Amino acid sequence: MRLDQPLSDEEFEELDDFLLSDRCAEDAMTMDTLHGYLTALAIGPQEVLMEEWLHGVWGPQAKDAPAFKNPKEAERITGLIARFMNEIAITLEVAPKEYEPLFCEREWEGKSLLDGEAWAWGFWEGMGLRRQQWEPIWHSKLADMLRPIYLLGSDELEEEELVLVDTPIKTHKLTVEMESAIPHIYQYWLPNRKSAVVQVRNETPKPGRNDDCPCGSGKKYKKCCGAESA
């Protein structure tokens, strides 16, 4: 399974069916929520390793991990999720104009409206894994662009903010604004996006051969640990 290969329609449905199956917890992400979650991870200020973010797909608690039939199925499903994320990242890097958030649609008073609440919730959860690192963008000129993500995705709206999302027309408008913001957020973090791997530098100088060995043996370094390394 090549990680740089986008999901086929059949693989998309396979992953969708698994997330909606009884083997996943009720709080497991759906495909639209997962798309928002993975987008936040793909464009955010710092890379997050899969071993850290994967459990969030299944639910908020460790007991929410799915009941895979066998290790082969676990490898298959997690591989599809990894490819889903890579597809998002590659699209934004190579052809950003082709990137489309996975929003739901609903009919309201004869109109087809976009509903981005589930997607925004996923994005908000992805931001939560590095909330402190995301902080600078809230103090930048892009702050207003993130507001639709907050209004549609956060569970902690103020009472006066609830009126901003209380009709399908309002959520549709915020969803459209949110889609327009994603390329700008991506470009904001791109130059300074940090790797998940932090190199640890040993600042302690290496002892000289005639110095006392730092292990505390009382011997000279060259006749103790230095002799072993030599």
C-alpha atoms as a PDB file:
ATOM      1  CA  MET A   1       0.000   0.000   0.000  1.00  0.00           C
ATOM      2  CA  ARG A   2       1.665   3.199  -1.187  1.00  0.00           C
ATOM      3  CA  LEU A   3       1.159   6.092   1.223  1.00  0.00           C
ATOM      4  CA  ASP A   4       1.320   8.662  -1.596  1.00  0.00           C
ATOM      5  CA  GLN A   5      -1.537   7.052  -3.495  1.00  0.00           C
ATOM      6  CA  PRO A   6      -4.942   8.750  -3.051  1.00  0.00           C
ATOM      7  CA  LEU A   7      -7.892   6.704  -1.887  1.00  0.00           C
ATOM      8  CA  SER A   8     -10.045   5.190  -4.594  1.00  0.00           C
ATOM      9  CA  ASP A   9     -13.820   5.554  -4.339  1.00  0.00           C
ATOM     10  CA  GLU A  10     -14.017   1.971  -3.080  1.00  0.00           C
ATOM     11  CA  GLU A  11     -11.366   2.595  -0.404  1.00  0.00           C
ATOM     12  CA  PHE A  12     -13.102   5.795   0.673  1.00  0.00           C
ATOM     13  CA  GLU A  13     -16.348   3.869   1.148  1.00  0.00           C
ATOM     14  CA  GLU A  14     -14.477   1.090   2.963  1.00  0.00           C
ATOM     15  CA  LEU A  15     -13.080   3.540   5.494  1.00  0.00           C
ATOM     16  CA  ASP A  16     -16.416   5.334   5.779  1.00  0.00           C
ATOM     17  CA  ASP A  17     -18.220   2.043   6.453  1.00  0.00           C
ATOM     18  CA  PHE A  18     -15.699   1.057   9.125  1.00  0.00           C
ATOM     19  CA  LEU A  19     -15.972   4.368  10.986  1.00  0.00           C
ATOM     20  CA  LEU A  20     -19.764   4.044  10.988  1.00  0.00           C
ATOM     21  CA  SER A  21     -19.746   0.369  12.006  1.00  0.00           C
ATOM     22  CA  ASP A  22     -20.550  -1.047  15.425  1.00  0.00           C
ATOM     23  CA  ARG A  23     -16.872  -1.826  15.945  1.00  0.00           C
ATOM     24  CA  CYS A  24     -16.159   1.886  16.427  1.00  0.00           C
ATOM     25  CA  ALA A  25     -17.377   3.921  19.379  1.00  0.00           C
ATOM     26  CA  GLU A  26     -20.284   6.317  18.957  1.00  0.00           C
ATOM     27  CA  ASP A  27     -17.815   9.204  19.332  1.00  0.00           C
ATOM     28  CA  ALA A  28     -15.563   7.968  16.517  1.00  0.00           C
ATOM     29  CA  MET A  29     -15.005  10.517  13.766  1.00  0.00           C
ATOM     30  CA  THR A  30     -17.003  10.372  10.573  1.00  0.00           C
ATOM     31  CA  MET A  31     -15.308  11.028   7.244  1.00  0.00           C
ATOM     32  CA  ASP A  32     -16.123  14.752   7.180  1.00  0.00           C
ATOM     33  CA  THR A  33     -14.896  15.206  10.759  1.00  0.00           C
ATOM     34  CA  LEU A  34     -11.791  13.168   9.970  1.00  0.00           C
ATOM     35  CA  HIS A  35     -11.078  15.336   6.914  1.00  0.00           C
ATOM     36  CA  GLY A  36     -11.159  18.477   9.050  1.00  0.00           C
ATOM     37  CA  TYR A  37      -9.001  16.851  11.727  1.00  0.00           C
ATOM     38  CA  LEU A  38      -6.369  15.714   9.235  1.00  0.00           C
ATOM     39  CA  THR A  39      -6.382  19.083   7.464  1.00  0.00           C
ATOM     40  CA  ALA A  40      -5.538  20.874  10.715  1.00  0.00           C
ATOM     41  CA  LEU A  41      -2.698  18.422  11.302  1.00  0.00           C
ATOM     42  CA  ALA A  42      -1.438  18.791   7.727  1.00  0.00           C
ATOM     43  CA  ILE A  43      -1.330  22.598   7.676  1.00  0.00           C
ATOM     44  CA  GLY A  44      -0.658  23.484  11.314  1.00  0.00           C
ATOM     45  CA  PRO A  45       2.416  24.980  12.977  1.00  0.00           C
ATOM     46  CA  GLN A  46       3.990  21.661  13.922  1.00  0.00           C
ATOM     47  CA  GLU A  47       3.996  18.144  12.553  1.00  0.00           C
ATOM     48  CA  VAL A  48       2.233  15.659  14.831  1.00  0.00           C
ATOM     49  CA  LEU A  49       3.155  11.986  14.620  1.00  0.00           C
ATOM     50  CA  MET A  50       0.424   9.474  13.821  1.00  0.00           C
ATOM     51  CA  GLU A  51       1.011   7.576  17.049  1.00  0.00           C
ATOM     52  CA  GLU A  52      -0.169  10.683  18.901  1.00  0.00           C
ATOM     53  CA  TRP A  53      -3.141  11.773  16.797  1.00  0.00           C
ATOM     54  CA  LEU A  54      -4.606   8.425  15.713  1.00  0.00           C
ATOM     55  CA  HIS A  55      -6.363   7.709  19.015  1.00  0.00           C
ATOM     56  CA  GLY A  56      -8.357  10.932  18.559  1.00  0.00           C
ATOM     57  CA  VAL A  57      -9.995   9.415  15.479  1.00  0.00           C
ATOM     58  CA  TRP A  58     -11.587   6.665  17.569  1.00  0.00           C
ATOM     59  CA  GLY A  59     -12.894   8.848  20.396  1.00  0.00           C
ATOM     60  CA  PRO A  60     -11.848  10.898  23.429  1.00  0.00           C
ATOM     61  CA  GLN A  61     -10.943   7.924  25.642  1.00  0.00           C
ATOM     62  CA  ALA A  62      -8.535   5.007  25.356  1.00  0.00           C
ATOM     63  CA  LYS A  63     -11.412   2.515  25.639  1.00  0.00           C
ATOM     64  CA  ASP A  64     -12.817   3.910  22.376  1.00  0.00           C
ATOM     65  CA  ALA A  65     -10.212   2.051  20.304  1.00  0.00           C
ATOM     66  CA  PRO A  66     -12.005  -0.070  17.683  1.00  0.00           C
ATOM     67  CA  ALA A  67     -12.388  -3.831  17.850  1.00  0.00           C
ATOM     68  CA  PHE A  68     -10.368  -4.889  14.834  1.00  0.00           C
ATOM     69  CA  LYS A  69     -10.920  -8.445  13.619  1.00  0.00           C
ATOM     70  CA  ASN A  70      -7.188  -9.070  13.393  1.00  0.00           C
ATOM     71  CA  PRO A  71      -3.849  -7.228  13.003  1.00  0.00           C
ATOM     72  CA  LYS A  72      -4.209  -7.304   9.224  1.00  0.00           C
ATOM     73  CA  GLU A  73      -7.454  -5.309   9.392  1.00  0.00           C
ATOM     74  CA  ALA A  74      -5.912  -2.842  11.846  1.00  0.00           C
ATOM     75  CA  GLU A  75      -3.023  -2.291   9.442  1.00  0.00           C
ATOM     76  CA  ARG A  76      -5.445  -1.894   6.548  1.00  0.00           C
ATOM     77  CA  ILE A  77      -7.643   0.730   8.233  1.00  0.00           C
ATOM     78  CA  THR A  78      -4.803   2.764   9.718  1.00  0.00           C
ATOM     79  CA  GLY A  79      -3.084   2.648   6.333  1.00  0.00           C
ATOM     80  CA  LEU A  80      -6.181   4.104   4.670  1.00  0.00           C
ATOM     81  CA  ILE A  81      -6.296   6.904   7.249  1.00  0.00           C
ATOM     82  CA  ALA A  82      -2.600   7.667   6.689  1.00  0.00           C
ATOM     83  CA  ARG A  83      -3.164   7.841   2.939  1.00  0.00           C
ATOM     84  CA  PHE A  84      -6.204  10.066   3.454  1.00  0.00           C
ATOM     85  CA  MET A  85      -4.000  12.513   5.353  1.00  0.00           C
ATOM     86  CA  ASN A  86      -1.196  12.350   2.790  1.00  0.00           C
ATOM     87  CA  GLU A  87      -3.714  13.041   0.028  1.00  0.00           C
ATOM     88  CA  ILE A  88      -4.719  16.251   1.814  1.00  0.00           C
ATOM     89  CA  ALA A  89      -1.107  17.325   2.380  1.00  0.00           C
ATOM     90  CA  ILE A  90      -0.001  16.553  -1.181  1.00  0.00           C
ATOM     91  CA  THR A  91      -2.999  18.346  -2.717  1.00  0.00           C
ATOM     92  CA  LEU A  92      -2.281  21.491  -0.706  1.00  0.00           C
ATOM     93  CA  GLU A  93       1.392  21.359  -1.645  1.00  0.00           C
ATOM     94  CA  VAL A  94       1.096  20.509  -5.338  1.00  0.00           C
ATOM     95  CA  ALA A  95      -2.334  21.766  -6.402  1.00  0.00           C
ATOM     96  CA  PRO A  96      -3.847  23.930  -3.644  1.00  0.00           C
ATOM     97  CA  LYS A  97      -6.660  25.156  -5.894  1.00  0.00           C
ATOM     98  CA  GLU A  98      -7.925  21.576  -6.119  1.00  0.00           C
ATOM     99  CA  TYR A  99      -8.240  21.189  -2.354  1.00  0.00           C
ATOM    100  CA  GLU A 100     -11.866  20.905  -1.219  1.00  0.00           C
ATOM    101  CA  PRO A 101     -13.010  20.420   2.382  1.00  0.00           C
ATOM    102  CA  LEU A 102     -15.358  17.487   2.825  1.00  0.00           C
ATOM    103  CA  PHE A 103     -18.540  19.332   3.810  1.00  0.00           C
ATOM    104  CA  CYS A 104     -22.030  17.918   4.146  1.00  0.00           C
ATOM    105  CA  GLU A 105     -24.957  19.370   2.259  1.00  0.00           C
ATOM    106  CA  ARG A 106     -28.551  19.761   3.410  1.00  0.00           C
ATOM    107  CA  GLU A 107     -31.806  20.956   1.952  1.00  0.00           C
ATOM    108  CA  TRP A 108     -33.498  23.915   3.636  1.00  0.00           C
ATOM    109  CA  GLU A 109     -36.490  25.765   2.247  1.00  0.00           C
ATOM    110  CA  GLY A 110     -35.786  24.439  -1.226  1.00  0.00           C
ATOM    111  CA  LYS A 111     -32.105  25.424  -1.147  1.00  0.00           C
ATOM    112  CA  SER A 112     -29.017  23.201  -1.021  1.00  0.00           C
ATOM    113  CA  LEU A 113     -26.783  24.557   1.730  1.00  0.00           C
ATOM    114  CA  LEU A 114     -23.321  23.589   2.946  1.00  0.00           C
ATOM    115  CA  ASP A 115     -22.989  22.348   6.511  1.00  0.00           C
ATOM    116  CA  GLY A 116     -19.407  22.522   7.756  1.00  0.00           C
ATOM    117  CA  GLU A 117     -20.001  21.974  11.469  1.00  0.00           C
ATOM    118  CA  ALA A 118     -18.687  18.400  11.603  1.00  0.00           C
ATOM    119  CA  TRP A 119     -15.654  19.327   9.491  1.00  0.00           C
ATOM    120  CA  ALA A 120     -14.961  22.384  11.670  1.00  0.00           C
ATOM    121  CA  TRP A 121     -15.219  20.293  14.834  1.00  0.00           C
ATOM    122  CA  GLY A 122     -12.584  17.942  13.436  1.00  0.00           C
ATOM    123  CA  PHE A 123     -10.324  20.862  12.538  1.00  0.00           C
ATOM    124  CA  TRP A 124     -10.807  22.317  16.030  1.00  0.00           C
ATOM    125  CA  GLU A 125      -9.831  18.970  17.575  1.00  0.00           C
ATOM    126  CA  GLY A 126      -6.703  18.883  15.409  1.00  0.00           C
ATOM    127  CA  MET A 127      -5.770  22.378  16.557  1.00  0.00           C
ATOM    128  CA  GLY A 128      -6.249  21.216  20.136  1.00  0.00           C
ATOM    129  CA  LEU A 129      -3.310  18.842  19.881  1.00  0.00           C
ATOM    130  CA  ARG A 130      -1.019  21.873  19.527  1.00  0.00           C
ATOM    131  CA  ARG A 131      -3.180  24.648  20.953  1.00  0.00           C
ATOM    132  CA  GLN A 132      -0.230  26.671  22.272  1.00  0.00           C
ATOM    133  CA  GLN A 133       1.643  26.494  18.963  1.00  0.00           C
ATOM    134  CA  TRP A 134      -1.467  27.741  17.116  1.00  0.00           C
ATOM    135  CA  GLU A 135      -1.718  30.790  19.380  1.00  0.00           C
ATOM    136  CA  PRO A 136       0.295  33.266  17.203  1.00  0.00           C
ATOM    137  CA  ILE A 137      -2.171  33.081  14.321  1.00  0.00           C
ATOM    138  CA  TRP A 138      -4.951  34.363  16.601  1.00  0.00           C
ATOM    139  CA  HIS A 139      -2.924  37.547  17.005  1.00  0.00           C
ATOM    140  CA  SER A 140      -2.179  37.911  13.296  1.00  0.00           C
ATOM    141  CA  LYS A 141      -4.114  39.525  10.456  1.00  0.00           C
ATOM    142  CA  LEU A 142      -5.662  36.097   9.781  1.00  0.00           C
ATOM    143  CA  ALA A 143      -7.465  36.001  13.124  1.00  0.00           C
ATOM    144  CA  ASP A 144     -10.817  36.919  11.573  1.00  0.00           C
ATOM    145  CA  MET A 145     -10.425  34.085   9.066  1.00  0.00           C
ATOM    146  CA  LEU A 146     -10.231  31.556  11.882  1.00  0.00           C
ATOM    147  CA  ARG A 147     -13.404  32.812  13.526  1.00  0.00           C
ATOM    148  CA  PRO A 148     -15.744  30.643  11.374  1.00  0.00           C
ATOM    149  CA  ILE A 149     -13.751  27.568  12.442  1.00  0.00           C
ATOM    150  CA  TYR A 150     -14.201  28.575  16.069  1.00  0.00           C
ATOM    151  CA  LEU A 151     -17.912  29.339  15.707  1.00  0.00           C
ATOM    152  CA  LEU A 152     -18.685  26.092  13.885  1.00  0.00           C
ATOM    153  CA  GLY A 153     -16.215  23.806  15.650  1.00  0.00           C
ATOM    154  CA  SER A 154     -15.922  24.843  19.271  1.00  0.00           C
ATOM    155  CA  ASP A 155     -18.146  23.367  21.988  1.00  0.00           C
ATOM    156  CA  GLU A 156     -17.616  26.382  24.233  1.00  0.00           C
ATOM    157  CA  LEU A 157     -19.358  29.288  22.506  1.00  0.00           C
ATOM    158  CA  GLU A 158     -20.484  32.233  24.576  1.00  0.00           C
ATOM    159  CA  GLU A 159     -24.251  32.724  24.845  1.00  0.00           C
ATOM    160  CA  GLU A 160     -24.158  35.801  22.639  1.00  0.00           C
ATOM    161  CA  GLU A 161     -22.263  33.822  19.965  1.00  0.00           C
ATOM    162  CA  LEU A 162     -24.918  31.123  19.633  1.00  0.00           C
ATOM    163  CA  VAL A 163     -27.128  33.439  17.567  1.00  0.00           C
ATOM    164  CA  LEU A 164     -24.400  33.485  14.910  1.00  0.00           C
ATOM    165  CA  VAL A 165     -24.908  29.772  14.165  1.00  0.00           C
ATOM    166  CA  ASP A 166     -28.587  29.239  14.878  1.00  0.00           C
ATOM    167  CA  THR A 167     -29.867  28.902  11.294  1.00  0.00           C
ATOM    168  CA  PRO A 168     -28.758  26.847   8.277  1.00  0.00           C
ATOM    169  CA  ILE A 169     -28.260  30.066   6.300  1.00  0.00           C
ATOM    170  CA  LYS A 170     -25.795  31.374   8.905  1.00  0.00           C
ATOM    171  CA  THR A 171     -23.850  28.111   9.101  1.00  0.00           C
ATOM    172  CA  HIS A 172     -23.733  27.956   5.284  1.00  0.00           C
ATOM    173  CA  LYS A 173     -22.205  31.435   5.134  1.00  0.00           C
ATOM    174  CA  LEU A 174     -19.625  30.553   7.804  1.00  0.00           C
ATOM    175  CA  THR A 175     -18.823  27.303   5.980  1.00  0.00           C
ATOM    176  CA  VAL A 176     -18.080  29.170   2.751  1.00  0.00           C
ATOM    177  CA  GLU A 177     -15.864  31.627   4.655  1.00  0.00           C
ATOM    178  CA  MET A 178     -14.066  28.751   6.338  1.00  0.00           C
ATOM    179  CA  GLU A 179     -13.242  27.089   3.020  1.00  0.00           C
ATOM    180  CA  SER A 180     -11.777  30.357   1.719  1.00  0.00           C
ATOM    181  CA  ALA A 181      -9.567  30.640   4.805  1.00  0.00           C
ATOM    182  CA  ILE A 182      -7.780  27.282   4.507  1.00  0.00           C
ATOM    183  CA  PRO A 183      -5.230  28.289   1.792  1.00  0.00           C
ATOM    184  CA  HIS A 184      -4.321  31.406   3.785  1.00  0.00           C
ATOM    185  CA  ILE A 185      -3.836  29.408   6.985  1.00  0.00           C
ATOM    186  CA  TYR A 186      -1.706  26.919   5.064  1.00  0.00           C
ATOM    187  CA  GLN A 187       0.502  29.682   3.666  1.00  0.00           C
ATOM    188  CA  TYR A 188       0.806  31.331   7.078  1.00  0.00           C
ATOM    189  CA  TRP A 189       2.394  28.278   8.717  1.00  0.00           C
ATOM    190  CA  LEU A 190       4.260  26.862   5.710  1.00  0.00           C
ATOM    191  CA  PRO A 191       7.546  28.840   6.099  1.00  0.00           C
ATOM    192  CA  ASN A 192       7.881  28.048   9.804  1.00  0.00           C
ATOM    193  CA  ARG A 193       6.238  24.654  10.179  1.00  0.00           C
ATOM    194  CA  LYS A 194       8.238  22.638  12.711  1.00  0.00           C
ATOM    195  CA  SER A 195       9.113  18.973  12.500  1.00  0.00           C
ATOM    196  CA  ALA A 196       7.711  16.570  15.068  1.00  0.00           C
ATOM    197  CA  VAL A 197      11.205  15.222  15.696  1.00  0.00           C
ATOM    198  CA  VAL A 198      13.253  17.371  18.057  1.00  0.00           C
ATOM    199  CA  GLN A 199      16.974  16.741  17.998  1.00  0.00           C
ATOM    200  CA  VAL A 200      18.496  16.563  21.457  1.00  0.00           C
ATOM    201  CA  ARG A 201      21.990  18.029  21.647  1.00  0.00           C
ATOM    202  CA  ASN A 202      24.366  16.871  24.324  1.00  0.00           C
ATOM    203  CA  GLU A 203      25.752  20.051  25.849  1.00  0.00           C
ATOM    204  CA  THR A 204      28.072  18.211  28.265  1.00  0.00           C
ATOM    205  CA  PRO A 205      31.672  18.372  26.956  1.00  0.00           C
ATOM    206  CA  LYS A 206      33.397  15.060  26.422  1.00  0.00           C
ATOM    207  CA  PRO A 207      36.053  14.464  29.124  1.00  0.00           C
ATOM    208  CA  GLY A 208      39.734  14.417  28.171  1.00  0.00           C
ATOM    209  CA  ARG A 209      41.626  11.138  28.312  1.00  0.00           C
ATOM    210  CA  ASN A 210      43.496  12.205  31.471  1.00  0.00           C
ATOM    211  CA  ASP A 211      40.402  13.601  33.228  1.00  0.00           C
ATOM    212  CA  ASP A 212      38.620  11.697  35.968  1.00  0.00           C
ATOM    213  CA  CYS A 213      35.968   9.436  34.487  1.00  0.00           C
ATOM    214  CA  PRO A 214      32.485  10.977  34.880  1.00  0.00           C
ATOM    215  CA  CYS A 215      31.051   7.594  35.893  1.00  0.00           C
ATOM    216  CA  GLY A 216      32.483   8.098  39.392  1.00  0.00           C
ATOM    217  CA  SER A 217      34.847   5.115  39.410  1.00  0.00           C
ATOM    218  CA  GLY A 218      37.832   7.248  40.493  1.00  0.00           C
ATOM    219  CA  LYS A 219      39.843   6.100  37.477  1.00  0.00           C
ATOM    220  CA  LYS A 220      41.125   8.184  34.616  1.00  0.00           C
ATOM    221  CA  TYR A 221      38.747   8.384  31.683  1.00  0.00           C
ATOM    222  CA  LYS A 222      41.248   6.668  29.369  1.00  0.00           C
ATOM    223  CA  LYS A 223      41.431   3.662  31.678  1.00  0.00           C
ATOM    224  CA  CYS A 224      37.679   3.432  32.317  1.00  0.00           C
ATOM    225  CA  CYS A 225      34.783   4.386  30.019  1.00  0.00           C
ATOM    226  CA  GLY A 226      37.210   5.922  27.526  1.00  0.00           C
ATOM    227  CA  ALA A 227      38.935   2.565  27.147  1.00  0.00           C
ATOM    228  CA  GLU A 228      35.578   0.894  26.467  1.00  0.00           C
ATOM    229  CA  SER A 229      34.599   3.421  23.800  1.00  0.00           C
ATOM    230  CA  ALA A 230      38.044   3.116  22.204  1.00  0.00           C
END
